C-alpha atoms as a PDB file:
ATOM      1  CA  MET A   1      97.277  95.398 105.705  1.00  0.00           C
ATOM      2  CA  GLY A   2      99.534  96.170 102.759  1.00  0.00           C
ATOM      3  CA  GLN A   3      99.154  92.687 101.295  1.00  0.00           C
ATOM      4  CA  ALA A   4      95.415  92.882 100.520  1.00  0.00           C
ATOM      5  CA  ARG A   5      94.403  92.599  96.893  1.00  0.00           C
ATOM      6  CA  VAL A   6      91.512  94.326  95.189  1.00  0.00           C
ATOM      7  CA  ASN A   7      90.026  92.414  92.279  1.00  0.00           C
ATOM      8  CA  ILE A   8      87.556  93.826  89.776  1.00  0.00           C
ATOM      9  CA  PRO A   9      84.311  91.999  88.988  1.00  0.00           C
ATOM     10  CA  ARG A  10      84.496  90.591  85.467  1.00  0.00           C
ATOM     11  CA  ASN A  11      81.271  92.325  84.403  1.00  0.00           C
ATOM     12  CA  ASP A  12      83.033  95.674  84.759  1.00  0.00           C
ATOM     13  CA  SER A  13      85.104  94.818  81.726  1.00  0.00           C
ATOM     14  CA  VAL A  14      88.059  96.905  80.624  1.00  0.00           C
ATOM     15  CA  PRO A  15      89.574  95.326  77.486  1.00  0.00           C
ATOM     16  CA  ALA A  16      92.994  97.002  77.695  1.00  0.00           C
ATOM     17  CA  LEU A  17      95.210  99.212  79.803  1.00  0.00           C
ATOM     18  CA  ILE A  18      97.218 101.972  78.124  1.00  0.00           C
ATOM     19  CA  ALA A  19      99.853 103.994  79.964  1.00  0.00           C
ATOM     20  CA  PHE A  20     101.471 107.345  79.205  1.00  0.00           C
ATOM     21  CA  GLY A  21     104.005 109.195  81.286  1.00  0.00           C
ATOM     22  CA  ASP A  22     107.284 108.824  83.138  1.00  0.00           C
ATOM     23  CA  SER A  23     109.257 106.182  85.050  1.00  0.00           C
ATOM     24  CA  PHE A  24     106.274 105.318  87.258  1.00  0.00           C
ATOM     25  CA  MET A  25     104.632 103.911  84.099  1.00  0.00           C
ATOM     26  CA  ASP A  26     107.620 102.973  81.866  1.00  0.00           C
ATOM     27  CA  SER A  27     107.975  99.223  81.337  1.00  0.00           C
ATOM     28  CA  GLY A  28     111.059  99.463  79.123  1.00  0.00           C
ATOM     29  CA  ASN A  29     110.637 102.079  76.390  1.00  0.00           C
ATOM     30  CA  ASN A  30     113.899 103.783  77.375  1.00  0.00           C
ATOM     31  CA  ASN A  31     116.003 100.648  76.826  1.00  0.00           C
ATOM     32  CA  ALA A  32     116.976 101.543  73.271  1.00  0.00           C
ATOM     33  CA  LEU A  33     117.493 105.273  73.881  1.00  0.00           C
ATOM     34  CA  LEU A  34     120.799 107.100  74.322  1.00  0.00           C
ATOM     35  CA  THR A  35     119.950 108.361  77.797  1.00  0.00           C
ATOM     36  CA  VAL A  36     121.106 107.873  81.375  1.00  0.00           C
ATOM     37  CA  ILE A  37     117.462 107.400  82.433  1.00  0.00           C
ATOM     38  CA  LYS A  38     117.443 103.614  82.251  1.00  0.00           C
ATOM     39  CA  ALA A  39     116.776 100.595  84.452  1.00  0.00           C
ATOM     40  CA  ASN A  40     117.566  97.647  82.159  1.00  0.00           C
ATOM     41  CA  PHE A  41     120.416  96.325  84.286  1.00  0.00           C
ATOM     42  CA  PRO A  42     120.777  94.651  87.712  1.00  0.00           C
ATOM     43  CA  PRO A  43     119.692  95.086  90.431  1.00  0.00           C
ATOM     44  CA  TYR A  44     116.532  96.491  88.789  1.00  0.00           C
ATOM     45  CA  GLY A  45     114.058  93.705  88.108  1.00  0.00           C
ATOM     46  CA  GLU A  46     115.616  91.235  90.528  1.00  0.00           C
ATOM     47  CA  ASP A  47     112.123  90.108  91.594  1.00  0.00           C
ATOM     48  CA  PHE A  48     110.543  90.359  88.126  1.00  0.00           C
ATOM     49  CA  MET A  49     109.829  87.056  86.377  1.00  0.00           C
ATOM     50  CA  GLY A  50     113.041  85.229  87.145  1.00  0.00           C
ATOM     51  CA  GLY A  51     115.137  88.259  88.006  1.00  0.00           C
ATOM     52  CA  LYS A  52     115.090  89.894  84.604  1.00  0.00           C
ATOM     53  CA  PRO A  53     115.891  93.628  84.315  1.00  0.00           C
ATOM     54  CA  THR A  54     113.346  94.849  81.750  1.00  0.00           C
ATOM     55  CA  GLY A  55     113.669  98.614  82.105  1.00  0.00           C
ATOM     56  CA  ARG A  56     111.076  98.839  84.865  1.00  0.00           C
ATOM     57  CA  PHE A  57     112.208 101.255  87.565  1.00  0.00           C
ATOM     58  CA  SER A  58     111.687  98.879  90.496  1.00  0.00           C
ATOM     59  CA  ASN A  59     112.763  95.495  91.815  1.00  0.00           C
ATOM     60  CA  GLY A  60     109.638  93.939  90.273  1.00  0.00           C
ATOM     61  CA  LYS A  61     106.346  94.949  88.733  1.00  0.00           C
ATOM     62  CA  ILE A  62     105.224  98.564  88.434  1.00  0.00           C
ATOM     63  CA  MET A  63     101.759 100.138  88.623  1.00  0.00           C
ATOM     64  CA  PRO A  64     100.469  99.434  85.071  1.00  0.00           C
ATOM     65  CA  ASP A  65     101.380  95.735  85.475  1.00  0.00           C
ATOM     66  CA  MET A  66      99.524  95.498  88.765  1.00  0.00           C
ATOM     67  CA  ILE A  67      96.435  97.331  87.529  1.00  0.00           C
ATOM     68  CA  ALA A  68      96.280  95.132  84.407  1.00  0.00           C
ATOM     69  CA  GLU A  69      96.586  92.084  86.643  1.00  0.00           C
ATOM     70  CA  ARG A  70      93.752  93.264  88.923  1.00  0.00           C
ATOM     71  CA  LEU A  71      91.590  93.905  85.837  1.00  0.00           C
ATOM     72  CA  GLY A  72      92.176  90.316  84.720  1.00  0.00           C
ATOM     73  CA  LEU A  73      93.912  91.409  81.498  1.00  0.00           C
ATOM     74  CA  LYS A  74      97.401  89.967  81.822  1.00  0.00           C
ATOM     75  CA  ASP A  75     100.305  89.710  84.248  1.00  0.00           C
ATOM     76  CA  TYR A  76     102.216  92.709  82.935  1.00  0.00           C
ATOM     77  CA  VAL A  77     101.913  95.581  80.460  1.00  0.00           C
ATOM     78  CA  PRO A  78     104.571  95.483  77.722  1.00  0.00           C
ATOM     79  CA  ALA A  79     106.535  98.504  76.567  1.00  0.00           C
ATOM     80  CA  TYR A  80     105.376  99.627  73.136  1.00  0.00           C
ATOM     81  CA  LEU A  81     108.961  99.772  71.832  1.00  0.00           C
ATOM     82  CA  ASP A  82     109.900  96.318  73.139  1.00  0.00           C
ATOM     83  CA  PRO A  83     110.960  94.379  70.009  1.00  0.00           C
ATOM     84  CA  SER A  84     109.926  91.062  71.573  1.00  0.00           C
ATOM     85  CA  VAL A  85     106.259  92.048  71.926  1.00  0.00           C
ATOM     86  CA  GLU A  86     104.006  90.048  69.608  1.00  0.00           C
ATOM     87  CA  GLU A  87     101.078  91.680  67.829  1.00  0.00           C
ATOM     88  CA  ASN A  88      98.530  89.439  69.549  1.00  0.00           C
ATOM     89  CA  GLU A  89      99.522  91.088  72.871  1.00  0.00           C
ATOM     90  CA  LEU A  90      98.657  94.617  71.723  1.00  0.00           C
ATOM     91  CA  PRO A  91      94.844  94.341  72.075  1.00  0.00           C
ATOM     92  CA  PHE A  92      95.357  93.993  75.858  1.00  0.00           C
ATOM     93  CA  GLY A  93      97.240  97.269  76.078  1.00  0.00           C
ATOM     94  CA  THR A  94     100.724  98.728  76.181  1.00  0.00           C
ATOM     95  CA  SER A  95     102.839 101.459  77.767  1.00  0.00           C
ATOM     96  CA  PHE A  96     104.159 104.449  75.831  1.00  0.00           C
ATOM     97  CA  ALA A  97     105.731 105.938  78.977  1.00  0.00           C
ATOM     98  CA  SER A  98     109.336 107.058  79.125  1.00  0.00           C
ATOM     99  CA  GLY A  99     111.302 107.515  82.352  1.00  0.00           C
ATOM    100  CA  GLY A 100     112.509 111.095  82.734  1.00  0.00           C
ATOM    101  CA  SER A 101     109.778 112.629  80.564  1.00  0.00           C
ATOM    102  CA  GLY A 102     107.344 115.347  81.574  1.00  0.00           C
ATOM    103  CA  TYR A 103     104.463 117.485  80.390  1.00  0.00           C
ATOM    104  CA  ASP A 104     107.049 120.130  79.469  1.00  0.00           C
ATOM    105  CA  SER A 105     108.893 119.177  76.252  1.00  0.00           C
ATOM    106  CA  LEU A 106     112.073 120.751  77.658  1.00  0.00           C
ATOM    107  CA  THR A 107     112.136 118.098  80.410  1.00  0.00           C
ATOM    108  CA  SER A 108     112.393 115.237  77.917  1.00  0.00           C
ATOM    109  CA  LYS A 109     114.844 117.168  75.756  1.00  0.00           C
ATOM    110  CA  ILE A 110     117.336 117.727  78.586  1.00  0.00           C
ATOM    111  CA  VAL A 111     117.628 113.981  79.350  1.00  0.00           C
ATOM    112  CA  ASN A 112     116.922 112.721  75.816  1.00  0.00           C
ATOM    113  CA  VAL A 113     113.806 110.652  76.435  1.00  0.00           C
ATOM    114  CA  ILE A 114     110.424 110.311  74.701  1.00  0.00           C
ATOM    115  CA  PRO A 115     108.358 113.510  75.033  1.00  0.00           C
ATOM    116  CA  LEU A 116     104.597 113.700  75.459  1.00  0.00           C
ATOM    117  CA  SER A 117     104.170 114.618  71.765  1.00  0.00           C
ATOM    118  CA  ASP A 118     105.976 111.457  70.607  1.00  0.00           C
ATOM    119  CA  GLN A 119     104.028 109.292  73.049  1.00  0.00           C
ATOM    120  CA  LEU A 120     100.865 110.687  71.475  1.00  0.00           C
ATOM    121  CA  GLU A 121     102.172 109.807  67.984  1.00  0.00           C
ATOM    122  CA  MET A 122     102.973 106.277  69.181  1.00  0.00           C
ATOM    123  CA  PHE A 123      99.377 105.988  70.402  1.00  0.00           C
ATOM    124  CA  LYS A 124      98.090 106.960  66.943  1.00  0.00           C
ATOM    125  CA  GLU A 125     100.366 104.303  65.432  1.00  0.00           C
ATOM    126  CA  TYR A 126      99.046 101.801  67.995  1.00  0.00           C
ATOM    127  CA  ILE A 127      95.439 102.527  66.946  1.00  0.00           C
ATOM    128  CA  ALA A 128      96.332 101.865  63.287  1.00  0.00           C
ATOM    129  CA  LYS A 129      98.012  98.566  64.260  1.00  0.00           C
ATOM    130  CA  LEU A 130      95.021  97.591  66.366  1.00  0.00           C
ATOM    131  CA  LYS A 131      92.653  98.155  63.440  1.00  0.00           C
ATOM    132  CA  ARG A 132      94.807  95.905  61.311  1.00  0.00           C
ATOM    133  CA  ILE A 133      94.976  93.176  63.975  1.00  0.00           C
ATOM    134  CA  VAL A 134      91.333  93.006  65.153  1.00  0.00           C
ATOM    135  CA  GLY A 135      89.399  95.061  62.579  1.00  0.00           C
ATOM    136  CA  GLU A 136      88.114  98.618  62.798  1.00  0.00           C
ATOM    137  CA  GLU A 137      84.950  97.957  64.810  1.00  0.00           C
ATOM    138  CA  GLU A 138      86.672  95.911  67.516  1.00  0.00           C
ATOM    139  CA  ALA A 139      89.611  98.334  67.613  1.00  0.00           C
ATOM    140  CA  ASN A 140      87.242 101.263  68.189  1.00  0.00           C
ATOM    141  CA  ASN A 141      85.535  99.279  70.951  1.00  0.00           C
ATOM    142  CA  ILE A 142      88.884  98.562  72.652  1.00  0.00           C
ATOM    143  CA  ILE A 143      90.012 102.192  72.413  1.00  0.00           C
ATOM    144  CA  GLU A 144      86.729 103.479  73.839  1.00  0.00           C
ATOM    145  CA  LYS A 145      86.511 101.058  76.788  1.00  0.00           C
ATOM    146  CA  SER A 146      90.208 100.929  77.750  1.00  0.00           C
ATOM    147  CA  LEU A 147      91.605 102.458  80.905  1.00  0.00           C
ATOM    148  CA  TYR A 148      94.223 105.158  80.275  1.00  0.00           C
ATOM    149  CA  LEU A 149      96.819 106.022  82.902  1.00  0.00           C
ATOM    150  CA  VAL A 150      98.669 109.342  82.712  1.00  0.00           C
ATOM    151  CA  SER A 151     101.599 110.173  85.016  1.00  0.00           C
ATOM    152  CA  TRP A 152     103.783 113.226  84.421  1.00  0.00           C
ATOM    153  CA  SER A 153     105.018 116.307  86.332  1.00  0.00           C
ATOM    154  CA  SER A 154     107.616 114.945  88.813  1.00  0.00           C
ATOM    155  CA  ASN A 155     110.422 115.334  86.282  1.00  0.00           C
ATOM    156  CA  ASP A 156     109.205 118.784  85.236  1.00  0.00           C
ATOM    157  CA  TRP A 157     109.793 120.015  88.784  1.00  0.00           C
ATOM    158  CA  ALA A 158     112.953 117.930  89.284  1.00  0.00           C
ATOM    159  CA  ILE A 159     114.770 118.677  86.009  1.00  0.00           C
ATOM    160  CA  PRO A 160     114.073 122.037  84.257  1.00  0.00           C
ATOM    161  CA  TYR A 161     112.720 123.718  87.395  1.00  0.00           C
ATOM    162  CA  THR A 162     115.323 122.518  89.931  1.00  0.00           C
ATOM    163  CA  ALA A 163     118.355 120.623  88.578  1.00  0.00           C
ATOM    164  CA  VAL A 164     118.763 122.730  85.416  1.00  0.00           C
ATOM    165  CA  PRO A 165     116.651 125.713  86.542  1.00  0.00           C
ATOM    166  CA  ILE A 166     115.789 127.183  83.157  1.00  0.00           C
ATOM    167  CA  ARG A 167     112.062 127.249  83.911  1.00  0.00           C
ATOM    168  CA  ARG A 168     112.561 128.719  87.384  1.00  0.00           C
ATOM    169  CA  LEU A 169     114.051 131.807  85.689  1.00  0.00           C
ATOM    170  CA  GLN A 170     110.962 132.096  83.468  1.00  0.00           C
ATOM    171  CA  TYR A 171     108.069 131.110  85.772  1.00  0.00           C
ATOM    172  CA  ASP A 172     107.165 131.295  89.433  1.00  0.00           C
ATOM    173  CA  VAL A 173     105.573 128.169  90.941  1.00  0.00           C
ATOM    174  CA  PRO A 174     101.908 129.057  90.163  1.00  0.00           C
ATOM    175  CA  ALA A 175     102.751 130.074  86.584  1.00  0.00           C
ATOM    176  CA  TYR A 176     104.706 126.875  85.899  1.00  0.00           C
ATOM    177  CA  SER A 177     101.934 124.804  87.508  1.00  0.00           C
ATOM    178  CA  ASN A 178      99.462 126.529  85.205  1.00  0.00           C
ATOM    179  CA  LEU A 179     101.622 125.821  82.145  1.00  0.00           C
ATOM    180  CA  LEU A 180     101.842 122.106  83.017  1.00  0.00           C
ATOM    181  CA  VAL A 181      98.115 121.841  83.723  1.00  0.00           C
ATOM    182  CA  ASN A 182      97.290 123.465  80.368  1.00  0.00           C
ATOM    183  CA  ILE A 183      99.472 120.864  78.627  1.00  0.00           C
ATOM    184  CA  ALA A 184      97.723 118.090  80.611  1.00  0.00           C
ATOM    185  CA  THR A 185      94.318 119.462  79.568  1.00  0.00           C
ATOM    186  CA  ASN A 186      95.309 119.588  75.904  1.00  0.00           C
ATOM    187  CA  PHE A 187      96.650 116.040  76.131  1.00  0.00           C
ATOM    188  CA  ALA A 188      93.362 114.786  77.596  1.00  0.00           C
ATOM    189  CA  GLN A 189      91.444 116.461  74.772  1.00  0.00           C
ATOM    190  CA  GLU A 190      93.769 114.934  72.164  1.00  0.00           C
ATOM    191  CA  ILE A 191      93.373 111.348  73.368  1.00  0.00           C
ATOM    192  CA  TYR A 192      89.625 111.947  73.847  1.00  0.00           C
ATOM    193  CA  LYS A 193      89.415 112.911  70.132  1.00  0.00           C
ATOM    194  CA  LEU A 194      91.165 109.632  69.333  1.00  0.00           C
ATOM    195  CA  GLY A 195      88.525 107.686  71.255  1.00  0.00           C
ATOM    196  CA  ALA A 196      89.741 107.537  74.878  1.00  0.00           C
ATOM    197  CA  ARG A 197      86.963 107.914  77.433  1.00  0.00           C
ATOM    198  CA  ARG A 198      88.226 106.522  80.765  1.00  0.00           C
ATOM    199  CA  ILE A 199      91.336 108.511  81.728  1.00  0.00           C
ATOM    200  CA  ALA A 200      93.089 108.608  85.102  1.00  0.00           C
ATOM    201  CA  PHE A 201      95.602 111.374  85.831  1.00  0.00           C
ATOM    202  CA  PHE A 202      98.103 110.766  88.617  1.00  0.00           C
ATOM    203  CA  GLY A 203      99.019 113.918  90.495  1.00  0.00           C
ATOM    204  CA  ALA A 204     102.580 114.796  91.491  1.00  0.00           C
ATOM    205  CA  PRO A 205     103.734 112.619  94.403  1.00  0.00           C
ATOM    206  CA  TYR A 206     104.851 113.567  97.917  1.00  0.00           C
ATOM    207  CA  PHE A 207     108.271 114.034  96.382  1.00  0.00           C
ATOM    208  CA  GLY A 208     109.855 116.120  99.127  1.00  0.00           C
ATOM    209  CA  CYS A 209     109.572 113.081 101.409  1.00  0.00           C
ATOM    210  CA  PHE A 210     110.977 110.625  98.864  1.00  0.00           C
ATOM    211  CA  PRO A 211     114.596 109.682  99.717  1.00  0.00           C
ATOM    212  CA  LEU A 212     116.088 111.892  96.985  1.00  0.00           C
ATOM    213  CA  GLY A 213     113.740 114.737  97.906  1.00  0.00           C
ATOM    214  CA  ARG A 214     114.978 114.534 101.513  1.00  0.00           C
ATOM    215  CA  THR A 215     118.606 114.508 100.378  1.00  0.00           C
ATOM    216  CA  ALA A 216     118.128 117.430  97.976  1.00  0.00           C
ATOM    217  CA  GLY A 217     115.808 119.609 100.033  1.00  0.00           C
ATOM    218  CA  GLY A 218     115.779 118.380 103.634  1.00  0.00           C
ATOM    219  CA  GLY A 219     119.051 119.724 104.980  1.00  0.00           C
ATOM    220  CA  ILE A 220     121.666 117.792 106.928  1.00  0.00           C
ATOM    221  CA  LEU A 221     119.025 115.846 108.879  1.00  0.00           C
ATOM    222  CA  ARG A 222     117.272 114.844 105.636  1.00  0.00           C
ATOM    223  CA  MET A 223     113.852 116.013 106.781  1.00  0.00           C
ATOM    224  CA  CYS A 224     111.164 116.261 104.091  1.00  0.00           C
ATOM    225  CA  GLY A 225     111.911 118.876 101.405  1.00  0.00           C
ATOM    226  CA  ASP A 226     109.086 121.351 102.009  1.00  0.00           C
ATOM    227  CA  LYS A 227     109.711 123.396  98.850  1.00  0.00           C
ATOM    228  CA  LEU A 228     109.379 120.285  96.662  1.00  0.00           C
ATOM    229  CA  ASN A 229     106.129 119.343  98.375  1.00  0.00           C
ATOM    230  CA  GLU A 230     104.765 122.886  97.995  1.00  0.00           C
ATOM    231  CA  GLU A 231     105.494 122.775  94.256  1.00  0.00           C
ATOM    232  CA  ALA A 232     103.706 119.417  93.978  1.00  0.00           C
ATOM    233  CA  GLN A 233     100.677 120.725  95.876  1.00  0.00           C
ATOM    234  CA  SER A 234     100.464 123.871  93.743  1.00  0.00           C
ATOM    235  CA  PHE A 235     100.367 121.743  90.596  1.00  0.00           C
ATOM    236  CA  ASN A 236      98.000 119.149  92.072  1.00  0.00           C
ATOM    237  CA  ASN A 237      95.427 121.713  93.223  1.00  0.00           C
ATOM    238  CA  MET A 238      95.248 123.197  89.717  1.00  0.00           C
ATOM    239  CA  LEU A 239      95.207 119.785  88.006  1.00  0.00           C
ATOM    240  CA  LYS A 240      92.404 118.484  90.209  1.00  0.00           C
ATOM    241  CA  ARG A 241      90.216 121.528  89.477  1.00  0.00           C
ATOM    242  CA  GLN A 242      90.884 121.299  85.744  1.00  0.00           C
ATOM    243  CA  ILE A 243      90.065 117.591  85.645  1.00  0.00           C
ATOM    244  CA  GLU A 244      86.674 118.306  87.225  1.00  0.00           C
ATOM    245  CA  VAL A 245      86.014 120.853  84.464  1.00  0.00           C
ATOM    246  CA  LEU A 246      87.165 118.442  81.757  1.00  0.00           C
ATOM    247  CA  GLY A 247      85.058 115.595  83.104  1.00  0.00           C
ATOM    248  CA  SER A 248      81.907 117.698  82.847  1.00  0.00           C
ATOM    249  CA  SER A 249      82.739 119.144  79.413  1.00  0.00           C
ATOM    250  CA  LEU A 250      83.703 115.998  77.463  1.00  0.00           C
ATOM    251  CA  PRO A 251      80.581 113.878  76.782  1.00  0.00           C
ATOM    252  CA  GLN A 252      80.634 110.244  77.963  1.00  0.00           C
ATOM    253  CA  SER A 253      84.079 110.646  79.503  1.00  0.00           C
ATOM    254  CA  ARG A 254      85.210 109.491  82.916  1.00  0.00           C
ATOM    255  CA  ILE A 255      88.290 111.538  83.791  1.00  0.00           C
ATOM    256  CA  THR A 256      89.600 110.995  87.287  1.00  0.00           C
ATOM    257  CA  TYR A 257      92.326 112.445  89.472  1.00  0.00           C
ATOM    258  CA  ILE A 258      94.442 110.012  91.476  1.00  0.00           C
ATOM    259  CA  ASP A 259      95.840 111.749  94.536  1.00  0.00           C
ATOM    260  CA  TYR A 260      99.325 110.195  94.409  1.00  0.00           C
ATOM    261  CA  TYR A 261     100.557 112.858  96.853  1.00  0.00           C
ATOM    262  CA  LYS A 262      98.021 111.966  99.545  1.00  0.00           C
ATOM    263  CA  LEU A 263      98.498 108.222  99.016  1.00  0.00           C
ATOM    264  CA  MET A 264     102.272 108.485  99.457  1.00  0.00           C
ATOM    265  CA  GLN A 265     101.878 110.810 102.449  1.00  0.00           C
ATOM    266  CA  GLN A 266      99.527 108.331 104.104  1.00  0.00           C
ATOM    267  CA  ILE A 267     101.885 105.385 103.515  1.00  0.00           C
ATOM    268  CA  ILE A 268     105.019 107.264 104.640  1.00  0.00           C
ATOM    269  CA  GLU A 269     103.423 108.705 107.790  1.00  0.00           C
ATOM    270  CA  ASN A 270     101.827 105.367 108.773  1.00  0.00           C
ATOM    271  CA  HIS A 271     104.485 103.089 107.295  1.00  0.00           C
ATOM    272  CA  GLN A 272     104.567 100.549 110.105  1.00  0.00           C
ATOM    273  CA  GLN A 273     100.882  99.770 109.541  1.00  0.00           C
ATOM    274  CA  TYR A 274     101.862  98.684 106.036  1.00  0.00           C
ATOM    275  CA  GLY A 275     104.790  96.558 107.160  1.00  0.00           C
ATOM    276  CA  PHE A 276     107.593  98.986 106.261  1.00  0.00           C
ATOM    277  CA  ASP A 277     110.514  99.671 108.575  1.00  0.00           C
ATOM    278  CA  VAL A 278     112.382 102.079 106.267  1.00  0.00           C
ATOM    279  CA  VAL A 279     110.839 104.964 104.292  1.00  0.00           C
ATOM    280  CA  ASP A 280     113.583 107.611 104.291  1.00  0.00           C
ATOM    281  CA  ARG A 281     116.013 105.737 102.033  1.00  0.00           C
ATOM    282  CA  GLY A 282     115.891 103.182  99.248  1.00  0.00           C
ATOM    283  CA  CYS A 283     116.994  99.542  99.294  1.00  0.00           C
ATOM    284  CA  CYS A 284     119.740 100.146  96.692  1.00  0.00           C
ATOM    285  CA  GLY A 285     123.128 101.403  97.875  1.00  0.00           C
ATOM    286  CA  THR A 286     123.041 104.016 100.643  1.00  0.00           C
ATOM    287  CA  GLY A 287     119.466 104.681  99.493  1.00  0.00           C
ATOM    288  CA  VAL A 288     119.814 108.450  99.772  1.00  0.00           C
ATOM    289  CA  VAL A 289     120.893 109.366  96.223  1.00  0.00           C
ATOM    290  CA  GLU A 290     121.123 106.184  94.155  1.00  0.00           C
ATOM    291  CA  THR A 291     118.714 105.933  91.230  1.00  0.00           C
ATOM    292  CA  ILE A 292     119.048 104.956  87.542  1.00  0.00           C
ATOM    293  CA  VAL A 293     122.771 104.387  86.685  1.00  0.00           C
ATOM    294  CA  LEU A 294     123.889 105.081  90.273  1.00  0.00           C
ATOM    295  CA  CYS A 295     121.900 102.005  91.348  1.00  0.00           C
ATOM    296  CA  ASN A 296     123.815  99.239  89.588  1.00  0.00           C
ATOM    297  CA  LYS A 297     125.342  95.767  89.946  1.00  0.00           C
ATOM    298  CA  PHE A 298     128.061  97.174  92.227  1.00  0.00           C
ATOM    299  CA  SER A 299     125.518  98.665  94.666  1.00  0.00           C
ATOM    300  CA  PRO A 300     124.907  96.778  97.903  1.00  0.00           C
ATOM    301  CA  ILE A 301     121.258  95.797  98.314  1.00  0.00           C
ATOM    302  CA  CYS A 302     119.215  95.688 101.523  1.00  0.00           C
ATOM    303  CA  LEU A 303     118.646  92.243 103.004  1.00  0.00           C
ATOM    304  CA  ASP A 304     114.825  92.378 102.929  1.00  0.00           C
ATOM    305  CA  ASP A 305     113.258  94.680 100.320  1.00  0.00           C
ATOM    306  CA  SER A 306     109.763  93.968 101.696  1.00  0.00           C
ATOM    307  CA  LYS A 307     110.670  96.196 104.651  1.00  0.00           C
ATOM    308  CA  PHE A 308     111.513  99.119 102.341  1.00  0.00           C
ATOM    309  CA  LEU A 309     108.937 101.384 100.685  1.00  0.00           C
ATOM    310  CA  PHE A 310     111.536 102.589  98.164  1.00  0.00           C
ATOM    311  CA  TRP A 311     113.702 100.482  95.881  1.00  0.00           C
ATOM    312  CA  ASP A 312     116.008 103.351  94.922  1.00  0.00           C
ATOM    313  CA  SER A 313     115.948 106.989  95.997  1.00  0.00           C
ATOM    314  CA  VAL A 314     112.969 107.813  93.723  1.00  0.00           C
ATOM    315  CA  HIS A 315     111.088 104.618  92.813  1.00  0.00           C
ATOM    316  CA  LEU A 316     109.069 102.272  94.980  1.00  0.00           C
ATOM    317  CA  THR A 317     109.572  98.599  95.657  1.00  0.00           C
ATOM    318  CA  GLU A 318     107.062  96.187  94.145  1.00  0.00           C
ATOM    319  CA  LYS A 319     105.408  95.947  97.564  1.00  0.00           C
ATOM    320  CA  GLY A 320     105.183  99.748  97.738  1.00  0.00           C
ATOM    321  CA  TYR A 321     103.555 100.005  94.302  1.00  0.00           C
ATOM    322  CA  ASN A 322     101.123  97.222  95.224  1.00  0.00           C
ATOM    323  CA  ILE A 323      99.869  99.210  98.205  1.00  0.00           C
ATOM    324  CA  VAL A 324      99.497 102.393  96.119  1.00  0.00           C
ATOM    325  CA  VAL A 325      97.528 100.462  93.488  1.00  0.00           C
ATOM    326  CA  ASP A 326      95.234  98.876  96.086  1.00  0.00           C
ATOM    327  CA  HIS A 327      94.364 102.337  97.414  1.00  0.00           C
ATOM    328  CA  ALA A 328      93.998 103.926  93.979  1.00  0.00           C
ATOM    329  CA  LEU A 329      91.997 101.159  92.323  1.00  0.00           C
ATOM    330  CA  PRO A 330      88.496 102.157  93.523  1.00  0.00           C
ATOM    331  CA  ASP A 331      89.005 105.539  91.783  1.00  0.00           C
ATOM    332  CA  LEU A 332      90.271 103.914  88.593  1.00  0.00           C
ATOM    333  CA  VAL A 333      87.338 101.609  87.815  1.00  0.00           C
END
C-alpha cells in the first residue's frame, strides 16, 4: 500500500518546483552555515545516490525531490546554495529551505539559520538568474507555472515557544498562531507579486506523536504529547481558513493547504497497513531523542529502515516521505 506511486500526466505541465521552509524541504542549504542544524554527515543520506550525505534530513530523498520526480522534472531538487549546482539546472527549480527556520524570524535567529526574509531575497536573486539563463519571457513563464512548496511552523512551536520560551511569555497559543498565520499570508502575497501562482502550504505536522514529541511531552510512557498537537491544530485551523481567503482574493492563483497533520496521524495510527513496524522512535540511535548532530556516525542504526516511519526523532525515512507525498500529490497538482 505504501509503495504505490502517483505519476502526473505530462499535459499537466509544471516546469519547475521551488521550495521554501524548514528541514522538511531543505536539500542542503544549511551545509555552509555555522549552526548545529545540519545533516551533511553520516548516517544521513545513506540511501541517497550512493550513500552521500547532502544535508537532507533523512536517509534518502525528501519531499521536494519526490514531488519533482513525480512531475517528471528531475530526480532531485538541488539546494540553492549548493556550489556544485550548474546554471542549466536552475530552470527546473531549487530549494531555498533551511532546517531550523520558521515563520517567526526569532526562530531562525536562535539557531542561526536562513530566515524567511532571506529565503525571499534568494528567490528574487533566482528570478534574476533565470532571466539571464533563459530570457525574460521564458523566465516569467517558468515562475508563473511552477509549483511552490512552503513548510514552516514546526520550529516556531519547538524553539521560541517551547525550548527557549520567549514567545510563550508574550503570546498565548491562539495569539502566536495568529502571528504566524499573518506572516504566512504576507509571504504568499509577496511571492504572488513576484509571479508565483500555484502555492502549496504544508500545515504543522502531528508533532506530539513524532518520537521527539513523545519524549518531550508524553511523560514516562512516551504517549503522544497532547499540548504539542493542540498547538499544531490551533495554527492549522487558522492557516487553513486564511488560505481559503487568499485563494479567492488573489486572481488566477491556486493556493492550497496540505494537511500534514492529518496525513501523519493517518499513517501513525494505521502504520501496519503501510508496512511500518515502528512509529514511536527513529531508526538512528535509541530513536527517542537523536536528531541533527546527535544522530551521527557513532549512532547505531536499525537493521531495516523500511520498517521505520522515522529516520531520526523528528524526520521521516525516505519510505515515510514517499507515502506522505503519494497522499498529498492530488492536492498539489
